[in-house]
């Protein structure tokens, strides 16, 4: 059901990626984001 894809995947994307900075886990700007309490999602790649 299309609504099942939306329920699961839209929820995951909204929670983890939407309106977030997607950064490499070693990005040197990460401490600044943490200090300013800015939303981000970390990737290994």
ModelCIF file with pLDDT and N, C-alpha, C, O atoms, coordinates in Angstrom:
data_MODEL
#
_entry.id   MODEL 
#
_entity.id                         1 
_entity.type                       polymer 
_entity.pdbx_number_of_molecules   1 
#
_entity_poly.entity_id                      1 
_entity_poly.type                           'polypeptide(L)' 
_entity_poly.nstd_linkage                   no 
_entity_poly.nstd_monomer                   no 
_entity_poly.pdbx_seq_one_letter_code       
;(UNK)(UNK)(UNK)(UNK)(UNK)(UNK)(UNK)(UNK)(UNK)(UNK)(UNK)(UNK)(UNK)(UNK)(UNK)(UNK)
(UNK)(UNK)(UNK)(UNK)(UNK)(UNK)(UNK)(UNK)(UNK)(UNK)(UNK)(UNK)(UNK)(UNK)(UNK)(UNK)
(UNK)(UNK)(UNK)(UNK)(UNK)(UNK)(UNK)(UNK)(UNK)(UNK)(UNK)(UNK)(UNK)
;
_entity_poly.pdbx_seq_one_letter_code_can   XXXXXXXXXXXXXXXXXXXXXXXXXXXXXXXXXXXXXXXXXXXXX 
_entity_poly.pdbx_strand_id                 A 
#
loop_
_entity_poly_seq.entity_id 
_entity_poly_seq.num 
_entity_poly_seq.mon_id 
_entity_poly_seq.hetero 
1 1  UNK n 
1 2  UNK n 
1 3  UNK n 
1 4  UNK n 
1 5  UNK n 
1 6  UNK n 
1 7  UNK n 
1 8  UNK n 
1 9  UNK n 
1 10 UNK n 
1 11 UNK n 
1 12 UNK n 
1 13 UNK n 
1 14 UNK n 
1 15 UNK n 
1 16 UNK n 
1 17 UNK n 
1 18 UNK n 
1 19 UNK n 
1 20 UNK n 
1 21 UNK n 
1 22 UNK n 
1 23 UNK n 
1 24 UNK n 
1 25 UNK n 
1 26 UNK n 
1 27 UNK n 
1 28 UNK n 
1 29 UNK n 
1 30 UNK n 
1 31 UNK n 
1 32 UNK n 
1 33 UNK n 
1 34 UNK n 
1 35 UNK n 
1 36 UNK n 
1 37 UNK n 
1 38 UNK n 
1 39 UNK n 
1 40 UNK n 
1 41 UNK n 
1 42 UNK n 
1 43 UNK n 
1 44 UNK n 
1 45 UNK n 
#
_struct_asym.id          A 
_struct_asym.entity_id   1 
#
loop_
_ma_qa_metric.id 
_ma_qa_metric.mode 
_ma_qa_metric.name 
_ma_qa_metric.software_group_id 
_ma_qa_metric.type 
1 global pLDDT . pLDDT 
2 local  pLDDT . pLDDT 
#
_ma_qa_metric_global.metric_id      1 
_ma_qa_metric_global.metric_value   97.09 
_ma_qa_metric_global.model_id       1 
_ma_qa_metric_global.ordinal_id     1 
#
loop_
_ma_qa_metric_local.label_asym_id 
_ma_qa_metric_local.label_comp_id 
_ma_qa_metric_local.label_seq_id 
_ma_qa_metric_local.metric_id 
_ma_qa_metric_local.metric_value 
_ma_qa_metric_local.model_id 
_ma_qa_metric_local.ordinal_id 
A UNK 1  2 94.00 1 1  
A UNK 2  2 95.00 1 2  
A UNK 3  2 95.00 1 3  
A UNK 4  2 95.00 1 4  
A UNK 5  2 96.00 1 5  
A UNK 6  2 96.00 1 6  
A UNK 7  2 96.00 1 7  
A UNK 8  2 97.00 1 8  
A UNK 9  2 98.00 1 9  
A UNK 10 2 97.00 1 10 
A UNK 11 2 97.00 1 11 
A UNK 12 2 98.00 1 12 
A UNK 13 2 98.00 1 13 
A UNK 14 2 98.00 1 14 
A UNK 15 2 98.00 1 15 
A UNK 16 2 98.00 1 16 
A UNK 17 2 98.00 1 17 
A UNK 18 2 98.00 1 18 
A UNK 19 2 98.00 1 19 
A UNK 20 2 98.00 1 20 
A UNK 21 2 98.00 1 21 
A UNK 22 2 98.00 1 22 
A UNK 23 2 98.00 1 23 
A UNK 24 2 97.00 1 24 
A UNK 25 2 97.00 1 25 
A UNK 26 2 97.00 1 26 
A UNK 27 2 97.00 1 27 
A UNK 28 2 97.00 1 28 
A UNK 29 2 97.00 1 29 
A UNK 30 2 97.00 1 30 
A UNK 31 2 97.00 1 31 
A UNK 32 2 97.00 1 32 
A UNK 33 2 96.00 1 33 
A UNK 34 2 97.00 1 34 
A UNK 35 2 97.00 1 35 
A UNK 36 2 97.00 1 36 
A UNK 37 2 97.00 1 37 
A UNK 38 2 97.00 1 38 
A UNK 39 2 97.00 1 39 
A UNK 40 2 98.00 1 40 
A UNK 41 2 98.00 1 41 
A UNK 42 2 98.00 1 42 
A UNK 43 2 98.00 1 43 
A UNK 44 2 97.00 1 44 
A UNK 45 2 97.00 1 45 
#
loop_
_atom_site.group_PDB 
_atom_site.id 
_atom_site.type_symbol 
_atom_site.label_atom_id 
_atom_site.label_alt_id 
_atom_site.label_comp_id 
_atom_site.label_asym_id 
_atom_site.label_entity_id 
_atom_site.label_seq_id 
_atom_site.pdbx_PDB_ins_code 
_atom_site.Cartn_x 
_atom_site.Cartn_y 
_atom_site.Cartn_z 
_atom_site.occupancy 
_atom_site.B_iso_or_equiv 
_atom_site.pdbx_formal_charge 
_atom_site.auth_seq_id 
_atom_site.auth_comp_id 
_atom_site.auth_asym_id 
_atom_site.auth_atom_id 
_atom_site.pdbx_PDB_model_num 
ATOM 1   N N  . UNK A 1 1  ? 0.842  -1.190 0.000  1.00 94.00 ? 1  UNK A N  1 
ATOM 2   C CA . UNK A 1 1  ? 0.000  0.000  0.000  1.00 94.00 ? 1  UNK A CA 1 
ATOM 3   C C  . UNK A 1 1  ? 0.884  1.249  0.000  1.00 94.00 ? 1  UNK A C  1 
ATOM 4   O O  . UNK A 1 1  ? 1.807  1.358  0.807  1.00 94.00 ? 1  UNK A O  1 
ATOM 5   N N  . UNK A 1 2  ? 0.603  2.180  -0.896 1.00 95.00 ? 2  UNK A N  1 
ATOM 6   C CA . UNK A 1 2  ? 1.371  3.431  -0.947 1.00 95.00 ? 2  UNK A CA 1 
ATOM 7   C C  . UNK A 1 2  ? 1.400  4.126  0.411  1.00 95.00 ? 2  UNK A C  1 
ATOM 8   O O  . UNK A 1 2  ? 2.408  4.721  0.791  1.00 95.00 ? 2  UNK A O  1 
ATOM 9   N N  . UNK A 1 3  ? 0.286  4.045  1.137  1.00 95.00 ? 3  UNK A N  1 
ATOM 10  C CA . UNK A 1 3  ? 0.227  4.713  2.434  1.00 95.00 ? 3  UNK A CA 1 
ATOM 11  C C  . UNK A 1 3  ? 1.174  4.074  3.446  1.00 95.00 ? 3  UNK A C  1 
ATOM 12  O O  . UNK A 1 3  ? 1.619  4.746  4.377  1.00 95.00 ? 3  UNK A O  1 
ATOM 13  N N  . UNK A 1 4  ? 1.490  2.788  3.283  1.00 95.00 ? 4  UNK A N  1 
ATOM 14  C CA . UNK A 1 4  ? 2.435  2.121  4.174  1.00 95.00 ? 4  UNK A CA 1 
ATOM 15  C C  . UNK A 1 4  ? 3.862  2.603  3.898  1.00 95.00 ? 4  UNK A C  1 
ATOM 16  O O  . UNK A 1 4  ? 4.645  2.802  4.827  1.00 95.00 ? 4  UNK A O  1 
ATOM 17  N N  . UNK A 1 5  ? 4.193  2.788  2.627  1.00 96.00 ? 5  UNK A N  1 
ATOM 18  C CA . UNK A 1 5  ? 5.505  3.350  2.287  1.00 96.00 ? 5  UNK A CA 1 
ATOM 19  C C  . UNK A 1 5  ? 5.611  4.745  2.890  1.00 96.00 ? 5  UNK A C  1 
ATOM 20  O O  . UNK A 1 5  ? 6.624  5.100  3.494  1.00 96.00 ? 5  UNK A O  1 
ATOM 21  N N  . UNK A 1 6  ? 4.554  5.529  2.719  1.00 96.00 ? 6  UNK A N  1 
ATOM 22  C CA . UNK A 1 6  ? 4.563  6.884  3.267  1.00 96.00 ? 6  UNK A CA 1 
ATOM 23  C C  . UNK A 1 6  ? 4.678  6.850  4.787  1.00 96.00 ? 6  UNK A C  1 
ATOM 24  O O  . UNK A 1 6  ? 5.481  7.586  5.361  1.00 96.00 ? 6  UNK A O  1 
ATOM 25  N N  . UNK A 1 7  ? 3.891  6.013  5.440  1.00 96.00 ? 7  UNK A N  1 
ATOM 26  C CA . UNK A 1 7  ? 3.885  5.973  6.907  1.00 96.00 ? 7  UNK A CA 1 
ATOM 27  C C  . UNK A 1 7  ? 5.284  5.666  7.450  1.00 96.00 ? 7  UNK A C  1 
ATOM 28  O O  . UNK A 1 7  ? 5.743  6.318  8.388  1.00 96.00 ? 7  UNK A O  1 
ATOM 29  N N  . UNK A 1 8  ? 5.940  4.705  6.879  1.00 97.00 ? 8  UNK A N  1 
ATOM 30  C CA . UNK A 1 8  ? 7.243  4.278  7.384  1.00 97.00 ? 8  UNK A CA 1 
ATOM 31  C C  . UNK A 1 8  ? 8.361  5.187  6.886  1.00 97.00 ? 8  UNK A C  1 
ATOM 32  O O  . UNK A 1 8  ? 9.133  5.720  7.684  1.00 97.00 ? 8  UNK A O  1 
ATOM 33  N N  . UNK A 1 9  ? 8.449  5.364  5.583  1.00 98.00 ? 9  UNK A N  1 
ATOM 34  C CA . UNK A 1 9  ? 9.611  6.061  5.017  1.00 98.00 ? 9  UNK A CA 1 
ATOM 35  C C  . UNK A 1 9  ? 9.511  7.575  5.162  1.00 98.00 ? 9  UNK A C  1 
ATOM 36  O O  . UNK A 1 9  ? 10.516 8.231  5.433  1.00 98.00 ? 9  UNK A O  1 
ATOM 37  N N  . UNK A 1 10 ? 8.329  8.138  4.989  1.00 97.00 ? 10 UNK A N  1 
ATOM 38  C CA . UNK A 1 10 ? 8.177  9.580  5.195  1.00 97.00 ? 10 UNK A CA 1 
ATOM 39  C C  . UNK A 1 10 ? 8.480  9.929  6.651  1.00 97.00 ? 10 UNK A C  1 
ATOM 40  O O  . UNK A 1 10 ? 9.127  10.938 6.931  1.00 97.00 ? 10 UNK A O  1 
ATOM 41  N N  . UNK A 1 11 ? 8.011  9.097  7.568  1.00 97.00 ? 11 UNK A N  1 
ATOM 42  C CA . UNK A 1 11 ? 8.287  9.333  8.985  1.00 97.00 ? 11 UNK A CA 1 
ATOM 43  C C  . UNK A 1 11 ? 9.783  9.283  9.260  1.00 97.00 ? 11 UNK A C  1 
ATOM 44  O O  . UNK A 1 11 ? 10.312 10.138 9.970  1.00 97.00 ? 11 UNK A O  1 
ATOM 45  N N  . UNK A 1 12 ? 10.473 8.280  8.701  1.00 98.00 ? 12 UNK A N  1 
ATOM 46  C CA . UNK A 1 12 ? 11.919 8.170  8.930  1.00 98.00 ? 12 UNK A CA 1 
ATOM 47  C C  . UNK A 1 12 ? 12.650 9.373  8.336  1.00 98.00 ? 12 UNK A C  1 
ATOM 48  O O  . UNK A 1 12 ? 13.506 9.962  8.996  1.00 98.00 ? 12 UNK A O  1 
ATOM 49  N N  . UNK A 1 13 ? 12.324 9.738  7.110  1.00 98.00 ? 13 UNK A N  1 
ATOM 50  C CA . UNK A 1 13 ? 12.982 10.874 6.459  1.00 98.00 ? 13 UNK A CA 1 
ATOM 51  C C  . UNK A 1 13 ? 12.682 12.166 7.212  1.00 98.00 ? 13 UNK A C  1 
ATOM 52  O O  . UNK A 1 13 ? 13.585 12.969 7.448  1.00 98.00 ? 13 UNK A O  1 
ATOM 53  N N  . UNK A 1 14 ? 11.423 12.371 7.592  1.00 98.00 ? 14 UNK A N  1 
ATOM 54  C CA . UNK A 1 14 ? 11.065 13.585 8.344  1.00 98.00 ? 14 UNK A CA 1 
ATOM 55  C C  . UNK A 1 14 ? 11.830 13.665 9.668  1.00 98.00 ? 14 UNK A C  1 
ATOM 56  O O  . UNK A 1 14 ? 12.270 14.743 10.069 1.00 98.00 ? 14 UNK A O  1 
ATOM 57  N N  . UNK A 1 15 ? 11.983 12.552 10.329 1.00 98.00 ? 15 UNK A N  1 
ATOM 58  C CA . UNK A 1 15 ? 12.659 12.517 11.625 1.00 98.00 ? 15 UNK A CA 1 
ATOM 59  C C  . UNK A 1 15 ? 14.172 12.689 11.498 1.00 98.00 ? 15 UNK A C  1 
ATOM 60  O O  . UNK A 1 15 ? 14.780 13.404 12.294 1.00 98.00 ? 15 UNK A O  1 
ATOM 61  N N  . UNK A 1 16 ? 14.779 12.049 10.516 1.00 98.00 ? 16 UNK A N  1 
ATOM 62  C CA . UNK A 1 16 ? 16.234 11.985 10.446 1.00 98.00 ? 16 UNK A CA 1 
ATOM 63  C C  . UNK A 1 16 ? 16.894 12.924 9.440  1.00 98.00 ? 16 UNK A C  1 
ATOM 64  O O  . UNK A 1 16 ? 18.018 13.371 9.672  1.00 98.00 ? 16 UNK A O  1 
ATOM 65  N N  . UNK A 1 17 ? 16.232 13.233 8.338  1.00 98.00 ? 17 UNK A N  1 
ATOM 66  C CA . UNK A 1 17 ? 16.892 13.998 7.274  1.00 98.00 ? 17 UNK A CA 1 
ATOM 67  C C  . UNK A 1 17 ? 16.278 15.359 6.982  1.00 98.00 ? 17 UNK A C  1 
ATOM 68  O O  . UNK A 1 17 ? 16.997 16.295 6.631  1.00 98.00 ? 17 UNK A O  1 
ATOM 69  N N  . UNK A 1 18 ? 14.968 15.485 7.118  1.00 98.00 ? 18 UNK A N  1 
ATOM 70  C CA . UNK A 1 18 ? 14.297 16.718 6.707  1.00 98.00 ? 18 UNK A CA 1 
ATOM 71  C C  . UNK A 1 18 ? 14.734 17.905 7.572  1.00 98.00 ? 18 UNK A C  1 
ATOM 72  O O  . UNK A 1 18 ? 14.716 17.836 8.801  1.00 98.00 ? 18 UNK A O  1 
ATOM 73  N N  . UNK A 1 19 ? 15.121 18.978 6.910  1.00 98.00 ? 19 UNK A N  1 
ATOM 74  C CA . UNK A 1 19 ? 15.585 20.205 7.555  1.00 98.00 ? 19 UNK A CA 1 
ATOM 75  C C  . UNK A 1 19 ? 16.757 19.958 8.505  1.00 98.00 ? 19 UNK A C  1 
ATOM 76  O O  . UNK A 1 19 ? 16.865 20.567 9.569  1.00 98.00 ? 19 UNK A O  1 
ATOM 77  N N  . UNK A 1 20 ? 17.621 19.049 8.082  1.00 98.00 ? 20 UNK A N  1 
ATOM 78  C CA . UNK A 1 20 ? 18.836 18.761 8.834  1.00 98.00 ? 20 UNK A CA 1 
ATOM 79  C C  . UNK A 1 20 ? 20.041 18.949 7.899  1.00 98.00 ? 20 UNK A C  1 
ATOM 80  O O  . UNK A 1 20 ? 19.920 18.861 6.677  1.00 98.00 ? 20 UNK A O  1 
ATOM 81  N N  . UNK A 1 21 ? 21.196 19.207 8.505  1.00 98.00 ? 21 UNK A N  1 
ATOM 82  C CA . UNK A 1 21 ? 22.450 19.170 7.766  1.00 98.00 ? 21 UNK A CA 1 
ATOM 83  C C  . UNK A 1 21 ? 22.931 17.729 7.806  1.00 98.00 ? 21 UNK A C  1 
ATOM 84  O O  . UNK A 1 21 ? 23.106 17.156 8.881  1.00 98.00 ? 21 UNK A O  1 
ATOM 85  N N  . UNK A 1 22 ? 23.142 17.151 6.644  1.00 98.00 ? 22 UNK A N  1 
ATOM 86  C CA . UNK A 1 22 ? 23.647 15.791 6.554  1.00 98.00 ? 22 UNK A CA 1 
ATOM 87  C C  . UNK A 1 22 ? 25.164 15.913 6.390  1.00 98.00 ? 22 UNK A C  1 
ATOM 88  O O  . UNK A 1 22 ? 25.655 16.425 5.384  1.00 98.00 ? 22 UNK A O  1 
ATOM 89  N N  . UNK A 1 23 ? 25.888 15.435 7.394  1.00 98.00 ? 23 UNK A N  1 
ATOM 90  C CA . UNK A 1 23 ? 27.329 15.640 7.456  1.00 98.00 ? 23 UNK A CA 1 
ATOM 91  C C  . UNK A 1 23 ? 28.072 14.318 7.575  1.00 98.00 ? 23 UNK A C  1 
ATOM 92  O O  . UNK A 1 23 ? 27.537 13.335 8.089  1.00 98.00 ? 23 UNK A O  1 
ATOM 93  N N  . UNK A 1 24 ? 29.314 14.305 7.093  1.00 97.00 ? 24 UNK A N  1 
ATOM 94  C CA . UNK A 1 24 ? 30.208 13.185 7.344  1.00 97.00 ? 24 UNK A CA 1 
ATOM 95  C C  . UNK A 1 24 ? 30.551 13.210 8.827  1.00 97.00 ? 24 UNK A C  1 
ATOM 96  O O  . UNK A 1 24 ? 30.696 14.284 9.412  1.00 97.00 ? 24 UNK A O  1 
ATOM 97  N N  . UNK A 1 25 ? 30.680 12.048 9.436  1.00 97.00 ? 25 UNK A N  1 
ATOM 98  C CA . UNK A 1 25 ? 30.920 11.979 10.881 1.00 97.00 ? 25 UNK A CA 1 
ATOM 99  C C  . UNK A 1 25 ? 32.218 12.665 11.303 1.00 97.00 ? 25 UNK A C  1 
ATOM 100 O O  . UNK A 1 25 ? 32.376 13.004 12.476 1.00 97.00 ? 25 UNK A O  1 
ATOM 101 N N  . UNK A 1 26 ? 33.152 12.877 10.368 1.00 97.00 ? 26 UNK A N  1 
ATOM 102 C CA . UNK A 1 26 ? 34.416 13.556 10.677 1.00 97.00 ? 26 UNK A CA 1 
ATOM 103 C C  . UNK A 1 26 ? 34.435 15.010 10.230 1.00 97.00 ? 26 UNK A C  1 
ATOM 104 O O  . UNK A 1 26 ? 35.499 15.629 10.202 1.00 97.00 ? 26 UNK A O  1 
ATOM 105 N N  . UNK A 1 27 ? 33.283 15.567 9.881  1.00 97.00 ? 27 UNK A N  1 
ATOM 106 C CA . UNK A 1 27 ? 33.254 16.959 9.426  1.00 97.00 ? 27 UNK A CA 1 
ATOM 107 C C  . UNK A 1 27 ? 33.703 17.869 10.572 1.00 97.00 ? 27 UNK A C  1 
ATOM 108 O O  . UNK A 1 27 ? 33.156 17.795 11.672 1.00 97.00 ? 27 UNK A O  1 
ATOM 109 N N  . UNK A 1 28 ? 34.689 18.719 10.320 1.00 97.00 ? 28 UNK A N  1 
ATOM 110 C CA . UNK A 1 28 ? 35.185 19.577 11.399 1.00 97.00 ? 28 UNK A CA 1 
ATOM 111 C C  . UNK A 1 28 ? 34.185 20.623 11.885 1.00 97.00 ? 28 UNK A C  1 
ATOM 112 O O  . UNK A 1 28 ? 34.415 21.248 12.921 1.00 97.00 ? 28 UNK A O  1 
ATOM 113 N N  . UNK A 1 29 ? 33.093 20.828 11.172 1.00 97.00 ? 29 UNK A N  1 
ATOM 114 C CA . UNK A 1 29 ? 32.089 21.793 11.628 1.00 97.00 ? 29 UNK A CA 1 
ATOM 115 C C  . UNK A 1 29 ? 31.139 21.191 12.666 1.00 97.00 ? 29 UNK A C  1 
ATOM 116 O O  . UNK A 1 29 ? 30.353 21.919 13.273 1.00 97.00 ? 29 UNK A O  1 
ATOM 117 N N  . UNK A 1 30 ? 31.199 19.888 12.877 1.00 97.00 ? 30 UNK A N  1 
ATOM 118 C CA . UNK A 1 30 ? 30.279 19.209 13.782 1.00 97.00 ? 30 UNK A CA 1 
ATOM 119 C C  . UNK A 1 30 ? 30.259 19.819 15.190 1.00 97.00 ? 30 UNK A C  1 
ATOM 120 O O  . UNK A 1 30 ? 29.168 20.016 15.726 1.00 97.00 ? 30 UNK A O  1 
ATOM 121 N N  . UNK A 1 31 ? 31.402 20.131 15.820 1.00 97.00 ? 31 UNK A N  1 
ATOM 122 C CA . UNK A 1 31 ? 31.334 20.740 17.161 1.00 97.00 ? 31 UNK A CA 1 
ATOM 123 C C  . UNK A 1 31 ? 30.556 22.056 17.194 1.00 97.00 ? 31 UNK A C  1 
ATOM 124 O O  . UNK A 1 31 ? 29.901 22.369 18.189 1.00 97.00 ? 31 UNK A O  1 
ATOM 125 N N  . UNK A 1 32 ? 30.630 22.822 16.111 1.00 97.00 ? 32 UNK A N  1 
ATOM 126 C CA . UNK A 1 32 ? 29.872 24.072 16.040 1.00 97.00 ? 32 UNK A CA 1 
ATOM 127 C C  . UNK A 1 32 ? 28.380 23.787 16.006 1.00 97.00 ? 32 UNK A C  1 
ATOM 128 O O  . UNK A 1 32 ? 27.607 24.452 16.695 1.00 97.00 ? 32 UNK A O  1 
ATOM 129 N N  . UNK A 1 33 ? 27.969 22.811 15.216 1.00 96.00 ? 33 UNK A N  1 
ATOM 130 C CA . UNK A 1 33 ? 26.558 22.429 15.162 1.00 96.00 ? 33 UNK A CA 1 
ATOM 131 C C  . UNK A 1 33 ? 26.080 21.945 16.524 1.00 96.00 ? 33 UNK A C  1 
ATOM 132 O O  . UNK A 1 33 ? 24.982 22.287 16.963 1.00 96.00 ? 33 UNK A O  1 
ATOM 133 N N  . UNK A 1 34 ? 26.905 21.153 17.185 1.00 97.00 ? 34 UNK A N  1 
ATOM 134 C CA . UNK A 1 34 ? 26.541 20.647 18.507 1.00 97.00 ? 34 UNK A CA 1 
ATOM 135 C C  . UNK A 1 34 ? 26.428 21.789 19.517 1.00 97.00 ? 34 UNK A C  1 
ATOM 136 O O  . UNK A 1 34 ? 25.483 21.835 20.304 1.00 97.00 ? 34 UNK A O  1 
ATOM 137 N N  . UNK A 1 35 ? 27.382 22.697 19.492 1.00 97.00 ? 35 UNK A N  1 
ATOM 138 C CA . UNK A 1 35 ? 27.390 23.827 20.427 1.00 97.00 ? 35 UNK A CA 1 
ATOM 139 C C  . UNK A 1 35 ? 26.168 24.719 20.227 1.00 97.00 ? 35 UNK A C  1 
ATOM 140 O O  . UNK A 1 35 ? 25.600 25.225 21.195 1.00 97.00 ? 35 UNK A O  1 
ATOM 141 N N  . UNK A 1 36 ? 25.766 24.911 18.978 1.00 97.00 ? 36 UNK A N  1 
ATOM 142 C CA . UNK A 1 36 ? 24.637 25.781 18.668 1.00 97.00 ? 36 UNK A CA 1 
ATOM 143 C C  . UNK A 1 36 ? 23.300 25.040 18.693 1.00 97.00 ? 36 UNK A C  1 
ATOM 144 O O  . UNK A 1 36 ? 22.251 25.629 18.432 1.00 97.00 ? 36 UNK A O  1 
ATOM 145 N N  . UNK A 1 37 ? 23.346 23.740 19.011 1.00 97.00 ? 37 UNK A N  1 
ATOM 146 C CA . UNK A 1 37 ? 22.148 22.908 19.051 1.00 97.00 ? 37 UNK A CA 1 
ATOM 147 C C  . UNK A 1 37 ? 21.394 22.913 17.719 1.00 97.00 ? 37 UNK A C  1 
ATOM 148 O O  . UNK A 1 37 ? 20.164 22.954 17.681 1.00 97.00 ? 37 UNK A O  1 
ATOM 149 N N  . UNK A 1 38 ? 22.163 22.870 16.630 1.00 97.00 ? 38 UNK A N  1 
ATOM 150 C CA . UNK A 1 38 ? 21.593 22.817 15.280 1.00 97.00 ? 38 UNK A CA 1 
ATOM 151 C C  . UNK A 1 38 ? 21.353 21.361 14.890 1.00 97.00 ? 38 UNK A C  1 
ATOM 152 O O  . UNK A 1 38 ? 22.126 20.485 15.279 1.00 97.00 ? 38 UNK A O  1 
ATOM 153 N N  . UNK A 1 39 ? 20.293 21.090 14.127 1.00 97.00 ? 39 UNK A N  1 
ATOM 154 C CA . UNK A 1 39 ? 19.983 19.704 13.756 1.00 97.00 ? 39 UNK A CA 1 
ATOM 155 C C  . UNK A 1 39 ? 20.913 19.183 12.661 1.00 97.00 ? 39 UNK A C  1 
ATOM 156 O O  . UNK A 1 39 ? 21.232 19.893 11.708 1.00 97.00 ? 39 UNK A O  1 
ATOM 157 N N  . UNK A 1 40 ? 21.337 17.933 12.816 1.00 98.00 ? 40 UNK A N  1 
ATOM 158 C CA . UNK A 1 40 ? 22.209 17.306 11.826 1.00 98.00 ? 40 UNK A CA 1 
ATOM 159 C C  . UNK A 1 40 ? 21.978 15.801 11.829 1.00 98.00 ? 40 UNK A C  1 
ATOM 160 O O  . UNK A 1 40 ? 21.413 15.239 12.768 1.00 98.00 ? 40 UNK A O  1 
ATOM 161 N N  . UNK A 1 41 ? 22.428 15.170 10.760 1.00 98.00 ? 41 UNK A N  1 
ATOM 162 C CA . UNK A 1 41 ? 22.425 13.717 10.650 1.00 98.00 ? 41 UNK A CA 1 
ATOM 163 C C  . UNK A 1 41 ? 23.824 13.329 10.192 1.00 98.00 ? 41 UNK A C  1 
ATOM 164 O O  . UNK A 1 41 ? 24.340 13.889 9.225  1.00 98.00 ? 41 UNK A O  1 
ATOM 165 N N  . UNK A 1 42 ? 24.434 12.378 10.878 1.00 98.00 ? 42 UNK A N  1 
ATOM 166 C CA . UNK A 1 42 ? 25.799 11.983 10.554 1.00 98.00 ? 42 UNK A CA 1 
ATOM 167 C C  . UNK A 1 42 ? 25.826 10.719 9.704  1.00 98.00 ? 42 UNK A C  1 
ATOM 168 O O  . UNK A 1 42 ? 25.061 9.780  9.924  1.00 98.00 ? 42 UNK A O  1 
ATOM 169 N N  . UNK A 1 43 ? 26.728 10.724 8.729  1.00 98.00 ? 43 UNK A N  1 
ATOM 170 C CA . UNK A 1 43 ? 26.938 9.568  7.871  1.00 98.00 ? 43 UNK A CA 1 
ATOM 171 C C  . UNK A 1 43 ? 28.390 9.111  7.986  1.00 98.00 ? 43 UNK A C  1 
ATOM 172 O O  . UNK A 1 43 ? 29.283 9.911  8.268  1.00 98.00 ? 43 UNK A O  1 
ATOM 173 N N  . UNK A 1 44 ? 28.613 7.823  7.767  1.00 97.00 ? 44 UNK A N  1 
ATOM 174 C CA . UNK A 1 44 ? 29.976 7.288  7.741  1.00 97.00 ? 44 UNK A CA 1 
ATOM 175 C C  . UNK A 1 44 ? 30.688 7.648  6.442  1.00 97.00 ? 44 UNK A C  1 
ATOM 176 O O  . UNK A 1 44 ? 31.916 7.605  6.369  1.00 97.00 ? 44 UNK A O  1 
ATOM 177 N N  . UNK A 1 45 ? 29.923 8.000  5.427  1.00 97.00 ? 45 UNK A N  1 
ATOM 178 C CA . UNK A 1 45 ? 30.463 8.329  4.108  1.00 97.00 ? 45 UNK A CA 1 
ATOM 179 C C  . UNK A 1 45 ? 30.167 9.795  3.788  1.00 97.00 ? 45 UNK A C  1 
ATOM 180 O O  . UNK A 1 45 ? 30.537 10.280 2.719  1.00 97.00 ? 45 UNK A O  1 
#
